[in-house]
PDB file of N, CA and C in Angstrom:
ATOM      1  N   MET A   1      -9.220 -31.201  -3.884  1.00  0.00           N
ATOM      2  CA  MET A   1     -10.086 -30.100  -4.271  1.00  0.00           C
ATOM      3  C   MET A   1     -11.539 -30.499  -4.032  1.00  0.00           C
ATOM      4  N   LEU A   2     -12.331 -29.521  -3.718  1.00  0.00           N
ATOM      5  CA  LEU A   2     -13.733 -29.734  -3.402  1.00  0.00           C
ATOM      6  C   LEU A   2     -14.564 -28.762  -4.227  1.00  0.00           C
ATOM      7  N   LEU A   3     -15.585 -29.258  -4.913  1.00  0.00           N
ATOM      8  CA  LEU A   3     -16.459 -28.410  -5.711  1.00  0.00           C
ATOM      9  C   LEU A   3     -17.283 -27.546  -4.769  1.00  0.00           C
ATOM     10  N   VAL A   4     -17.257 -26.236  -4.974  1.00  0.00           N
ATOM     11  CA  VAL A   4     -17.942 -25.316  -4.067  1.00  0.00           C
ATOM     12  C   VAL A   4     -19.427 -25.222  -4.383  1.00  0.00           C
ATOM     13  N   SER A   5     -19.776 -25.126  -5.666  1.00  0.00           N
ATOM     14  CA  SER A   5     -21.164 -24.905  -6.032  1.00  0.00           C
ATOM     15  C   SER A   5     -21.485 -25.605  -7.341  1.00  0.00           C
ATOM     16  N   ASP A   6     -22.675 -26.185  -7.432  1.00  0.00           N
ATOM     17  CA  ASP A   6     -23.103 -26.792  -8.693  1.00  0.00           C
ATOM     18  C   ASP A   6     -23.447 -25.728  -9.723  1.00  0.00           C
ATOM     19  N   LYS A   7     -23.869 -24.544  -9.261  1.00  0.00           N
ATOM     20  CA  LYS A   7     -24.209 -23.460 -10.175  1.00  0.00           C
ATOM     21  C   LYS A   7     -22.962 -22.871 -10.830  1.00  0.00           C
ATOM     22  N   PHE A   8     -21.840 -22.921 -10.122  1.00  0.00           N
ATOM     23  CA  PHE A   8     -20.598 -22.344 -10.622  1.00  0.00           C
ATOM     24  C   PHE A   8     -19.533 -23.433 -10.556  1.00  0.00           C
ATOM     25  N   PRO A   9     -19.553 -24.407 -11.494  1.00  0.00           N
ATOM     26  CA  PRO A   9     -18.699 -25.591 -11.387  1.00  0.00           C
ATOM     27  C   PRO A   9     -17.208 -25.320 -11.569  1.00  0.00           C
ATOM     28  N   LEU A  10     -16.822 -24.115 -11.951  1.00  0.00           N
ATOM     29  CA  LEU A  10     -15.412 -23.834 -12.172  1.00  0.00           C
ATOM     30  C   LEU A  10     -14.735 -23.244 -10.948  1.00  0.00           C
ATOM     31  N   LEU A  11     -15.466 -23.126  -9.835  1.00  0.00           N
ATOM     32  CA  LEU A  11     -14.893 -22.598  -8.597  1.00  0.00           C
ATOM     33  C   LEU A  11     -14.688 -23.764  -7.640  1.00  0.00           C
ATOM     34  N   TYR A  12     -13.443 -23.992  -7.257  1.00  0.00           N
ATOM     35  CA  TYR A  12     -13.097 -25.093  -6.378  1.00  0.00           C
ATOM     36  C   TYR A  12     -12.457 -24.564  -5.109  1.00  0.00           C
ATOM     37  N   LEU A  13     -12.481 -25.373  -4.081  1.00  0.00           N
ATOM     38  CA  LEU A  13     -11.835 -25.030  -2.824  1.00  0.00           C
ATOM     39  C   LEU A  13     -10.640 -25.945  -2.659  1.00  0.00           C
ATOM     40  N   ASP A  14      -9.457 -25.377  -2.600  1.00  0.00           N
ATOM     41  CA  ASP A  14      -8.232 -26.137  -2.382  1.00  0.00           C
ATOM     42  C   ASP A  14      -8.081 -26.298  -0.874  1.00  0.00           C
ATOM     43  N   LEU A  15      -8.306 -27.515  -0.378  1.00  0.00           N
ATOM     44  CA  LEU A  15      -8.323 -27.743   1.065  1.00  0.00           C
ATOM     45  C   LEU A  15      -6.936 -27.625   1.683  1.00  0.00           C
ATOM     46  N   ALA A  16      -5.888 -27.864   0.911  1.00  0.00           N
ATOM     47  CA  ALA A  16      -4.537 -27.782   1.455  1.00  0.00           C
ATOM     48  C   ALA A  16      -4.179 -26.349   1.824  1.00  0.00           C
ATOM     49  N   SER A  17      -4.474 -25.404   0.927  1.00  0.00           N
ATOM     50  CA  SER A  17      -4.121 -24.008   1.201  1.00  0.00           C
ATOM     51  C   SER A  17      -5.311 -23.187   1.685  1.00  0.00           C
ATOM     52  N   LYS A  18      -6.481 -23.799   1.778  1.00  0.00           N
ATOM     53  CA  LYS A  18      -7.711 -23.128   2.204  1.00  0.00           C
ATOM     54  C   LYS A  18      -7.979 -21.883   1.359  1.00  0.00           C
ATOM     55  N   SER A  19      -7.824 -22.012   0.048  1.00  0.00           N
ATOM     56  CA  SER A  19      -8.096 -20.895  -0.849  1.00  0.00           C
ATOM     57  C   SER A  19      -8.987 -21.372  -1.983  1.00  0.00           C
ATOM     58  N   PHE A  20      -9.699 -20.432  -2.596  1.00  0.00           N
ATOM     59  CA  PHE A  20     -10.557 -20.753  -3.716  1.00  0.00           C
ATOM     60  C   PHE A  20      -9.737 -20.742  -4.999  1.00  0.00           C
ATOM     61  N   VAL A  21     -10.068 -21.639  -5.916  1.00  0.00           N
ATOM     62  CA  VAL A  21      -9.400 -21.716  -7.206  1.00  0.00           C
ATOM     63  C   VAL A  21     -10.463 -21.599  -8.277  1.00  0.00           C
ATOM     64  N   CYS A  22     -10.348 -20.590  -9.125  1.00  0.00           N
ATOM     65  CA  CYS A  22     -11.287 -20.402 -10.218  1.00  0.00           C
ATOM     66  C   CYS A  22     -10.626 -20.952 -11.469  1.00  0.00           C
ATOM     67  N   ARG A  23     -11.054 -22.107 -11.937  1.00  0.00           N
ATOM     68  CA  ARG A  23     -10.408 -22.793 -13.041  1.00  0.00           C
ATOM     69  C   ARG A  23     -10.615 -22.095 -14.376  1.00  0.00           C
ATOM     70  N   SER A  24     -11.675 -21.320 -14.539  1.00  0.00           N
ATOM     71  CA  SER A  24     -11.951 -20.716 -15.836  1.00  0.00           C
ATOM     72  C   SER A  24     -10.885 -19.706 -16.229  1.00  0.00           C
ATOM     73  N   VAL A  25     -10.309 -19.020 -15.278  1.00  0.00           N
ATOM     74  CA  VAL A  25      -9.301 -18.002 -15.577  1.00  0.00           C
ATOM     75  C   VAL A  25      -8.011 -18.263 -14.819  1.00  0.00           C
ATOM     76  N   SER A  26      -7.895 -19.428 -14.200  1.00  0.00           N
ATOM     77  CA  SER A  26      -6.703 -19.810 -13.438  1.00  0.00           C
ATOM     78  C   SER A  26      -6.299 -18.743 -12.434  1.00  0.00           C
ATOM     79  N   VAL A  27      -7.288 -18.258 -11.713  1.00  0.00           N
ATOM     80  CA  VAL A  27      -7.025 -17.209 -10.728  1.00  0.00           C
ATOM     81  C   VAL A  27      -7.176 -17.812  -9.341  1.00  0.00           C
ATOM     82  N   TYR A  28      -6.240 -17.550  -8.492  1.00  0.00           N
ATOM     83  CA  TYR A  28      -6.321 -17.998  -7.115  1.00  0.00           C
ATOM     84  C   TYR A  28      -6.776 -16.828  -6.257  1.00  0.00           C
ATOM     85  N   ILE A  29      -7.900 -16.981  -5.641  1.00  0.00           N
ATOM     86  CA  ILE A  29      -8.414 -15.941  -4.765  1.00  0.00           C
ATOM     87  C   ILE A  29      -7.859 -16.233  -3.380  1.00  0.00           C
ATOM     88  N   GLN A  30      -6.953 -15.403  -2.939  1.00  0.00           N
ATOM     89  CA  GLN A  30      -6.238 -15.655  -1.702  1.00  0.00           C
ATOM     90  C   GLN A  30      -7.072 -15.228  -0.493  1.00  0.00           C
ATOM     91  N   ARG A  31      -8.156 -15.885  -0.322  1.00  0.00           N
ATOM     92  CA  ARG A  31      -9.004 -15.652   0.845  1.00  0.00           C
ATOM     93  C   ARG A  31      -9.152 -16.972   1.579  1.00  0.00           C
ATOM     94  N   SER A  32      -8.909 -16.963   2.828  1.00  0.00           N
ATOM     95  CA  SER A  32      -9.113 -18.150   3.628  1.00  0.00           C
ATOM     96  C   SER A  32     -10.605 -18.446   3.681  1.00  0.00           C
ATOM     97  N   LEU A  33     -10.944 -19.708   3.749  1.00  0.00           N
ATOM     98  CA  LEU A  33     -12.350 -20.102   3.851  1.00  0.00           C
ATOM     99  C   LEU A  33     -12.989 -19.451   5.066  1.00  0.00           C
ATOM    100  N   PHE A  34     -12.262 -19.384   6.154  1.00  0.00           N
ATOM    101  CA  PHE A  34     -12.815 -18.817   7.379  1.00  0.00           C
ATOM    102  C   PHE A  34     -12.931 -17.297   7.275  1.00  0.00           C
ATOM    103  N   ASN A  35     -11.971 -16.644   6.635  1.00  0.00           N
ATOM    104  CA  ASN A  35     -12.029 -15.198   6.464  1.00  0.00           C
ATOM    105  C   ASN A  35     -13.133 -14.809   5.500  1.00  0.00           C
ATOM    106  N   LEU A  36     -13.427 -15.647   4.502  1.00  0.00           N
ATOM    107  CA  LEU A  36     -14.472 -15.335   3.535  1.00  0.00           C
ATOM    108  C   LEU A  36     -15.837 -15.299   4.216  1.00  0.00           C
ATOM    109  N   LYS A  37     -16.072 -16.202   5.158  1.00  0.00           N
ATOM    110  CA  LYS A  37     -17.349 -16.208   5.868  1.00  0.00           C
ATOM    111  C   LYS A  37     -17.477 -14.982   6.768  1.00  0.00           C
ATOM    112  N   LYS A  38     -16.363 -14.548   7.365  1.00  0.00           N
ATOM    113  CA  LYS A  38     -16.379 -13.412   8.276  1.00  0.00           C
ATOM    114  C   LYS A  38     -16.083 -12.095   7.571  1.00  0.00           C
ATOM    115  N   MET A  39     -15.767 -12.149   6.276  1.00  0.00           N
ATOM    116  CA  MET A  39     -15.311 -10.977   5.547  1.00  0.00           C
ATOM    117  C   MET A  39     -16.352  -9.869   5.582  1.00  0.00           C
ATOM    118  N   LYS A  40     -15.903  -8.665   5.872  1.00  0.00           N
ATOM    119  CA  LYS A  40     -16.798  -7.518   5.879  1.00  0.00           C
ATOM    120  C   LYS A  40     -16.869  -6.953   4.472  1.00  0.00           C
ATOM    121  N   LEU A  41     -18.068  -6.749   3.999  1.00  0.00           N
ATOM    122  CA  LEU A  41     -18.288  -6.179   2.677  1.00  0.00           C
ATOM    123  C   LEU A  41     -18.567  -4.685   2.820  1.00  0.00           C
ATOM    124  N   SER A  42     -18.178  -3.932   1.813  1.00  0.00           N
ATOM    125  CA  SER A  42     -18.516  -2.507   1.800  1.00  0.00           C
ATOM    126  C   SER A  42     -19.998  -2.367   1.471  1.00  0.00           C
ATOM    127  N   LEU A  43     -20.523  -1.175   1.609  1.00  0.00           N
ATOM    128  CA  LEU A  43     -21.938  -0.937   1.312  1.00  0.00           C
ATOM    129  C   LEU A  43     -22.246  -1.265  -0.144  1.00  0.00           C
ATOM    130  N   ALA A  44     -21.370  -0.848  -1.059  1.00  0.00           N
ATOM    131  CA  ALA A  44     -21.587  -1.141  -2.484  1.00  0.00           C
ATOM    132  C   ALA A  44     -21.588  -2.644  -2.734  1.00  0.00           C
ATOM    133  N   GLN A  45     -20.679  -3.370  -2.105  1.00  0.00           N
ATOM    134  CA  GLN A  45     -20.614  -4.822  -2.283  1.00  0.00           C
ATOM    135  C   GLN A  45     -21.838  -5.515  -1.695  1.00  0.00           C
ATOM    136  N   LYS A  46     -22.346  -5.005  -0.572  1.00  0.00           N
ATOM    137  CA  LYS A  46     -23.554  -5.581   0.033  1.00  0.00           C
ATOM    138  C   LYS A  46     -24.766  -5.382  -0.869  1.00  0.00           C
ATOM    139  N   ILE A  47     -24.886  -4.199  -1.464  1.00  0.00           N
ATOM    140  CA  ILE A  47     -26.028  -3.918  -2.345  1.00  0.00           C
ATOM    141  C   ILE A  47     -25.973  -4.801  -3.579  1.00  0.00           C
ATOM    142  N   VAL A  48     -24.792  -4.939  -4.177  1.00  0.00           N
ATOM    143  CA  VAL A  48     -24.658  -5.793  -5.361  1.00  0.00           C
ATOM    144  C   VAL A  48     -24.936  -7.248  -5.003  1.00  0.00           C
ATOM    145  N   LYS A  49     -24.484  -7.699  -3.842  1.00  0.00           N
ATOM    146  CA  LYS A  49     -24.736  -9.072  -3.408  1.00  0.00           C
ATOM    147  C   LYS A  49     -26.232  -9.314  -3.216  1.00  0.00           C
ATOM    148  N   LEU A  50     -26.934  -8.316  -2.711  1.00  0.00           N
ATOM    149  CA  LEU A  50     -28.370  -8.430  -2.476  1.00  0.00           C
ATOM    150  C   LEU A  50     -29.151  -8.616  -3.779  1.00  0.00           C
ATOM    151  N   PHE A  51     -28.733  -7.915  -4.840  1.00  0.00           N
ATOM    152  CA  PHE A  51     -29.494  -7.930  -6.091  1.00  0.00           C
ATOM    153  C   PHE A  51     -28.919  -8.851  -7.171  1.00  0.00           C
ATOM    154  N   SER A  52     -27.874  -9.612  -6.868  1.00  0.00           N
ATOM    155  CA  SER A  52     -27.322 -10.522  -7.881  1.00  0.00           C
ATOM    156  C   SER A  52     -27.346 -11.948  -7.351  1.00  0.00           C
ATOM    157  N   SER A  53     -27.231 -12.897  -8.268  1.00  0.00           N
ATOM    158  CA  SER A  53     -27.211 -14.301  -7.866  1.00  0.00           C
ATOM    159  C   SER A  53     -25.858 -14.629  -7.237  1.00  0.00           C
ATOM    160  N   GLY A  54     -25.791 -15.736  -6.553  1.00  0.00           N
ATOM    161  CA  GLY A  54     -24.553 -16.130  -5.884  1.00  0.00           C
ATOM    162  C   GLY A  54     -23.412 -16.358  -6.857  1.00  0.00           C
ATOM    163  N   SER A  55     -23.697 -17.003  -7.982  1.00  0.00           N
ATOM    164  CA  SER A  55     -22.633 -17.278  -8.957  1.00  0.00           C
ATOM    165  C   SER A  55     -22.137 -15.993  -9.613  1.00  0.00           C
ATOM    166  N   THR A  56     -23.047 -15.068  -9.898  1.00  0.00           N
ATOM    167  CA  THR A  56     -22.641 -13.790 -10.487  1.00  0.00           C
ATOM    168  C   THR A  56     -21.805 -12.995  -9.499  1.00  0.00           C
ATOM    169  N   PHE A  57     -22.191 -13.015  -8.235  1.00  0.00           N
ATOM    170  CA  PHE A  57     -21.423 -12.295  -7.223  1.00  0.00           C
ATOM    171  C   PHE A  57     -20.021 -12.879  -7.076  1.00  0.00           C
ATOM    172  N   GLU A  58     -19.894 -14.214  -7.165  1.00  0.00           N
ATOM    173  CA  GLU A  58     -18.578 -14.856  -7.099  1.00  0.00           C
ATOM    174  C   GLU A  58     -17.715 -14.444  -8.284  1.00  0.00           C
ATOM    175  N   LYS A  59     -18.325 -14.335  -9.464  1.00  0.00           N
ATOM    176  CA  LYS A  59     -17.588 -13.881 -10.651  1.00  0.00           C
ATOM    177  C   LYS A  59     -17.151 -12.431 -10.486  1.00  0.00           C
ATOM    178  N   MET A  60     -18.031 -11.597  -9.925  1.00  0.00           N
ATOM    179  CA  MET A  60     -17.689 -10.196  -9.686  1.00  0.00           C
ATOM    180  C   MET A  60     -16.533 -10.087  -8.701  1.00  0.00           C
ATOM    181  N   MET A  61     -16.572 -10.894  -7.658  1.00  0.00           N
ATOM    182  CA  MET A  61     -15.513 -10.866  -6.668  1.00  0.00           C
ATOM    183  C   MET A  61     -14.182 -11.289  -7.287  1.00  0.00           C
ATOM    184  N   ALA A  62     -14.196 -12.358  -8.066  1.00  0.00           N
ATOM    185  CA  ALA A  62     -12.963 -12.834  -8.704  1.00  0.00           C
ATOM    186  C   ALA A  62     -12.412 -11.795  -9.676  1.00  0.00           C
ATOM    187  N   ASP A  63     -13.295 -11.170 -10.461  1.00  0.00           N
ATOM    188  CA  ASP A  63     -12.858 -10.163 -11.430  1.00  0.00           C
ATOM    189  C   ASP A  63     -12.337  -8.912 -10.718  1.00  0.00           C
ATOM    190  N   SER A  64     -12.998  -8.502  -9.652  1.00  0.00           N
ATOM    191  CA  SER A  64     -12.571  -7.311  -8.909  1.00  0.00           C
ATOM    192  C   SER A  64     -11.224  -7.530  -8.221  1.00  0.00           C
ATOM    193  N   MET A  65     -10.937  -8.757  -7.844  1.00  0.00           N
ATOM    194  CA  MET A  65      -9.654  -9.046  -7.201  1.00  0.00           C
ATOM    195  C   MET A  65      -8.511  -9.043  -8.210  1.00  0.00           C
ATOM    196  N   ARG A  66      -8.820  -9.160  -9.493  1.00  0.00           N
ATOM    197  CA  ARG A  66      -7.780  -9.094 -10.522  1.00  0.00           C
ATOM    198  C   ARG A  66      -7.388  -7.662 -10.860  1.00  0.00           C
ATOM    199  N   TYR A  67      -8.266  -6.705 -10.612  1.00  0.00           N
ATOM    200  CA  TYR A  67      -7.951  -5.296 -10.875  1.00  0.00           C
ATOM    201  C   TYR A  67      -7.221  -4.722  -9.674  1.00  0.00           C
ATOM    202  N   ARG A  68      -6.045  -4.136  -9.931  1.00  0.00           N
ATOM    203  CA  ARG A  68      -5.177  -3.681  -8.851  1.00  0.00           C
ATOM    204  C   ARG A  68      -4.584  -2.315  -9.150  1.00  0.00           C
ATOM    205  N   PHE A  69      -4.023  -1.708  -8.117  1.00  0.00           N
ATOM    206  CA  PHE A  69      -3.212  -0.506  -8.284  1.00  0.00           C
ATOM    207  C   PHE A  69      -2.005  -0.636  -7.363  1.00  0.00           C
ATOM    208  N   THR A  70      -0.924   0.050  -7.721  1.00  0.00           N
ATOM    209  CA  THR A  70       0.304   0.010  -6.939  1.00  0.00           C
ATOM    210  C   THR A  70       0.553   1.391  -6.340  1.00  0.00           C
ATOM    211  N   CYS A  71       0.881   1.410  -5.063  1.00  0.00           N
ATOM    212  CA  CYS A  71       1.162   2.654  -4.345  1.00  0.00           C
ATOM    213  C   CYS A  71       2.645   3.001  -4.492  1.00  0.00           C
ATOM    214  N   SER A  72       2.978   4.238  -4.178  1.00  0.00           N
ATOM    215  CA  SER A  72       4.383   4.656  -4.209  1.00  0.00           C
ATOM    216  C   SER A  72       5.198   3.944  -3.127  1.00  0.00           C
ATOM    217  N   CYS A  73       4.525   3.377  -2.114  1.00  0.00           N
ATOM    218  CA  CYS A  73       5.231   2.609  -1.082  1.00  0.00           C
ATOM    219  C   CYS A  73       5.603   1.221  -1.585  1.00  0.00           C
ATOM    220  N   GLY A  74       5.107   0.855  -2.784  1.00  0.00           N
ATOM    221  CA  GLY A  74       5.458  -0.427  -3.391  1.00  0.00           C
ATOM    222  C   GLY A  74       4.451  -1.538  -3.173  1.00  0.00           C
ATOM    223  N   LYS A  75       3.424  -1.309  -2.391  1.00  0.00           N
ATOM    224  CA  LYS A  75       2.423  -2.342  -2.115  1.00  0.00           C
ATOM    225  C   LYS A  75       1.345  -2.325  -3.191  1.00  0.00           C
ATOM    226  N   GLU A  76       0.825  -3.515  -3.497  1.00  0.00           N
ATOM    227  CA  GLU A  76      -0.225  -3.675  -4.495  1.00  0.00           C
ATOM    228  C   GLU A  76      -1.531  -3.996  -3.777  1.00  0.00           C
ATOM    229  N   THR A  77      -2.611  -3.333  -4.169  1.00  0.00           N
ATOM    230  CA  THR A  77      -3.911  -3.510  -3.535  1.00  0.00           C
ATOM    231  C   THR A  77      -4.959  -3.760  -4.607  1.00  0.00           C
ATOM    232  N   SER A  78      -5.876  -4.692  -4.352  1.00  0.00           N
ATOM    233  CA  SER A  78      -6.946  -4.956  -5.316  1.00  0.00           C
ATOM    234  C   SER A  78      -8.124  -4.018  -5.073  1.00  0.00           C
ATOM    235  N   ILE A  79      -8.921  -3.846  -6.087  1.00  0.00           N
ATOM    236  CA  ILE A  79     -10.130  -3.017  -5.985  1.00  0.00           C
ATOM    237  C   ILE A  79     -11.084  -3.607  -4.958  1.00  0.00           C
ATOM    238  N   TRP A  80     -11.169  -4.935  -4.896  1.00  0.00           N
ATOM    239  CA  TRP A  80     -12.053  -5.597  -3.937  1.00  0.00           C
ATOM    240  C   TRP A  80     -11.636  -5.275  -2.506  1.00  0.00           C
ATOM    241  N   ASP A  81     -10.337  -5.234  -2.252  1.00  0.00           N
ATOM    242  CA  ASP A  81      -9.842  -4.989  -0.898  1.00  0.00           C
ATOM    243  C   ASP A  81     -10.174  -3.591  -0.381  1.00  0.00           C
ATOM    244  N   ILE A  82     -10.345  -2.627  -1.273  1.00  0.00           N
ATOM    245  CA  ILE A  82     -10.697  -1.270  -0.827  1.00  0.00           C
ATOM    246  C   ILE A  82     -12.208  -1.043  -0.841  1.00  0.00           C
ATOM    247  N   GLY A  83     -12.977  -2.120  -1.121  1.00  0.00           N
ATOM    248  CA  GLY A  83     -14.433  -2.028  -1.050  1.00  0.00           C
ATOM    249  C   GLY A  83     -15.113  -1.746  -2.370  1.00  0.00           C
ATOM    250  N   GLY A  84     -14.379  -1.858  -3.474  1.00  0.00           N
ATOM    251  CA  GLY A  84     -14.951  -1.568  -4.784  1.00  0.00           C
ATOM    252  C   GLY A  84     -15.307  -2.814  -5.576  1.00  0.00           C
ATOM    253  N   ILE A  85     -15.955  -2.587  -6.699  1.00  0.00           N
ATOM    254  CA  ILE A  85     -16.298  -3.661  -7.633  1.00  0.00           C
ATOM    255  C   ILE A  85     -15.938  -3.176  -9.029  1.00  0.00           C
ATOM    256  N   ARG A  86     -15.215  -4.000  -9.756  1.00  0.00           N
ATOM    257  CA  ARG A  86     -14.893  -3.720 -11.155  1.00  0.00           C
ATOM    258  C   ARG A  86     -15.100  -5.027 -11.894  1.00  0.00           C
ATOM    259  N   TYR A  87     -16.184  -5.099 -12.677  1.00  0.00           N
ATOM    260  CA  TYR A  87     -16.607  -6.345 -13.312  1.00  0.00           C
ATOM    261  C   TYR A  87     -16.842  -6.105 -14.796  1.00  0.00           C
ATOM    262  N   LYS A  88     -16.259  -6.961 -15.627  1.00  0.00           N
ATOM    263  CA  LYS A  88     -16.374  -6.876 -17.085  1.00  0.00           C
ATOM    264  C   LYS A  88     -15.971  -5.492 -17.598  1.00  0.00           C
ATOM    265  N   ALA A  89     -14.919  -4.963 -17.023  1.00  0.00           N
ATOM    266  CA  ALA A  89     -14.450  -3.632 -17.391  1.00  0.00           C
ATOM    267  C   ALA A  89     -13.234  -3.755 -18.307  1.00  0.00           C
ATOM    268  N   PHE A  90     -12.861  -2.654 -18.916  1.00  0.00           N
ATOM    269  CA  PHE A  90     -11.669  -2.632 -19.749  1.00  0.00           C
ATOM    270  C   PHE A  90     -10.998  -1.274 -19.595  1.00  0.00           C
ATOM    271  N   GLY A  91      -9.758  -1.205 -20.029  1.00  0.00           N
ATOM    272  CA  GLY A  91      -9.011   0.044 -19.928  1.00  0.00           C
ATOM    273  C   GLY A  91      -8.244   0.141 -18.618  1.00  0.00           C
ATOM    274  N   ASN A  92      -7.432   1.162 -18.521  1.00  0.00           N
ATOM    275  CA  ASN A  92      -6.633   1.429 -17.325  1.00  0.00           C
ATOM    276  C   ASN A  92      -6.920   2.844 -16.823  1.00  0.00           C
ATOM    277  N   PRO A  93      -8.046   3.037 -16.154  1.00  0.00           N
ATOM    278  CA  PRO A  93      -8.396   4.388 -15.698  1.00  0.00           C
ATOM    279  C   PRO A  93      -7.525   4.845 -14.535  1.00  0.00           C
ATOM    280  N   LYS A  94      -7.450   6.138 -14.376  1.00  0.00           N
ATOM    281  CA  LYS A  94      -6.780   6.725 -13.207  1.00  0.00           C
ATOM    282  C   LYS A  94      -7.871   7.211 -12.263  1.00  0.00           C
ATOM    283  N   THR A  95      -7.685   6.923 -10.991  1.00  0.00           N
ATOM    284  CA  THR A  95      -8.661   7.342  -9.993  1.00  0.00           C
ATOM    285  C   THR A  95      -7.950   7.630  -8.677  1.00  0.00           C
ATOM    286  N   SER A  96      -8.584   8.385  -7.840  1.00  0.00           N
ATOM    287  CA  SER A  96      -8.035   8.676  -6.528  1.00  0.00           C
ATOM    288  C   SER A  96      -8.365   7.508  -5.607  1.00  0.00           C
ATOM    289  N   ALA A  97      -7.358   6.978  -4.933  1.00  0.00           N
ATOM    290  CA  ALA A  97      -7.570   5.843  -4.041  1.00  0.00           C
ATOM    291  C   ALA A  97      -6.623   5.927  -2.860  1.00  0.00           C
ATOM    292  N   ARG A  98      -7.054   5.377  -1.747  1.00  0.00           N
ATOM    293  CA  ARG A  98      -6.234   5.339  -0.529  1.00  0.00           C
ATOM    294  C   ARG A  98      -5.543   3.982  -0.455  1.00  0.00           C
ATOM    295  N   CYS A  99      -4.248   4.012  -0.201  1.00  0.00           N
ATOM    296  CA  CYS A  99      -3.474   2.780  -0.017  1.00  0.00           C
ATOM    297  C   CYS A  99      -3.848   2.177   1.335  1.00  0.00           C
ATOM    298  N   THR A 100      -4.131   0.881   1.345  1.00  0.00           N
ATOM    299  CA  THR A 100      -4.507   0.220   2.598  1.00  0.00           C
ATOM    300  C   THR A 100      -3.299  -0.021   3.496  1.00  0.00           C
ATOM    301  N   HIS A 101      -2.099   0.093   2.945  1.00  0.00           N
ATOM    302  CA  HIS A 101      -0.890  -0.173   3.726  1.00  0.00           C
ATOM    303  C   HIS A 101      -0.332   1.085   4.379  1.00  0.00           C
ATOM    304  N   CYS A 102      -0.164   2.174   3.590  1.00  0.00           N
ATOM    305  CA  CYS A 102       0.448   3.390   4.146  1.00  0.00           C
ATOM    306  C   CYS A 102      -0.571   4.504   4.409  1.00  0.00           C
ATOM    307  N   GLY A 103      -1.779   4.401   3.823  1.00  0.00           N
ATOM    308  CA  GLY A 103      -2.829   5.378   4.078  1.00  0.00           C
ATOM    309  C   GLY A 103      -2.791   6.609   3.190  1.00  0.00           C
ATOM    310  N   LYS A 104      -1.856   6.692   2.252  1.00  0.00           N
ATOM    311  CA  LYS A 104      -1.759   7.858   1.382  1.00  0.00           C
ATOM    312  C   LYS A 104      -2.858   7.839   0.319  1.00  0.00           C
ATOM    313  N   ILE A 105      -3.411   9.024   0.044  1.00  0.00           N
ATOM    314  CA  ILE A 105      -4.400   9.178  -1.021  1.00  0.00           C
ATOM    315  C   ILE A 105      -3.694   9.844  -2.192  1.00  0.00           C
ATOM    316  N   ALA A 106      -3.806   9.231  -3.367  1.00  0.00           N
ATOM    317  CA  ALA A 106      -3.161   9.777  -4.561  1.00  0.00           C
ATOM    318  C   ALA A 106      -3.867   9.219  -5.795  1.00  0.00           C
ATOM    319  N   MET A 107      -3.542   9.794  -6.938  1.00  0.00           N
ATOM    320  CA  MET A 107      -4.073   9.274  -8.201  1.00  0.00           C
ATOM    321  C   MET A 107      -3.358   7.966  -8.524  1.00  0.00           C
ATOM    322  N   ARG A 108      -4.127   6.939  -8.799  1.00  0.00           N
ATOM    323  CA  ARG A 108      -3.578   5.614  -9.080  1.00  0.00           C
ATOM    324  C   ARG A 108      -4.108   5.117 -10.421  1.00  0.00           C
ATOM    325  N   THR A 109      -3.268   4.409 -11.155  1.00  0.00           N
ATOM    326  CA  THR A 109      -3.688   3.765 -12.390  1.00  0.00           C
ATOM    327  C   THR A 109      -4.116   2.346 -12.061  1.00  0.00           C
ATOM    328  N   ILE A 110      -5.333   2.006 -12.435  1.00  0.00           N
ATOM    329  CA  ILE A 110      -5.863   0.672 -12.186  1.00  0.00           C
ATOM    330  C   ILE A 110      -5.519  -0.205 -13.378  1.00  0.00           C
ATOM    331  N   TYR A 111      -4.995  -1.390 -13.109  1.00  0.00           N
ATOM    332  CA  TYR A 111      -4.632  -2.317 -14.175  1.00  0.00           C
ATOM    333  C   TYR A 111      -5.120  -3.715 -13.803  1.00  0.00           C
ATOM    334  N   LYS A 112      -5.222  -4.563 -14.815  1.00  0.00           N
ATOM    335  CA  LYS A 112      -5.726  -5.915 -14.627  1.00  0.00           C
ATOM    336  C   LYS A 112      -4.559  -6.886 -14.626  1.00  0.00           C
ATOM    337  N   VAL A 113      -4.525  -7.765 -13.625  1.00  0.00           N
ATOM    338  CA  VAL A 113      -3.505  -8.798 -13.532  1.00  0.00           C
ATOM    339  C   VAL A 113      -4.054 -10.029 -14.232  1.00  0.00           C
ATOM    340  N   GLU A 114      -3.365 -10.496 -15.270  1.00  0.00           N
ATOM    341  CA  GLU A 114      -3.799 -11.672 -16.031  1.00  0.00           C
ATOM    342  C   GLU A 114      -3.084 -12.907 -15.508  1.00  0.00           C
ATOM    343  N   ASN A 115      -3.770 -13.767 -14.798  1.00  0.00           N
ATOM    344  CA  ASN A 115      -3.215 -15.037 -14.329  1.00  0.00           C
ATOM    345  C   ASN A 115      -4.282 -16.067 -14.277  1.00  0.00           C
TER     346      ASN A 115
END
């Protein structure tokens, strides 16, 4: 494991699987190191990144990846993957969202995955 940042000491890089490990909440962010550098951000994510510190943005990304919805096709998608941000939120709201796998737009219940 390799410490990613001194400002955010609980975020490590697992060199074997090339994924980030957030020790504070035991969450594995399944993003390749190379994909993270090339990752395209949505407009909302770019604006938040511009006005927040690096450590806060990393926390927002980790928290947003824990919030998910399930499509009728059976695939699970995170809020971060569809270009959204959900940080320090609570509850299970229903919202209209497009599935990234099948493309269907429907009302989805957003829930938090605790791991």
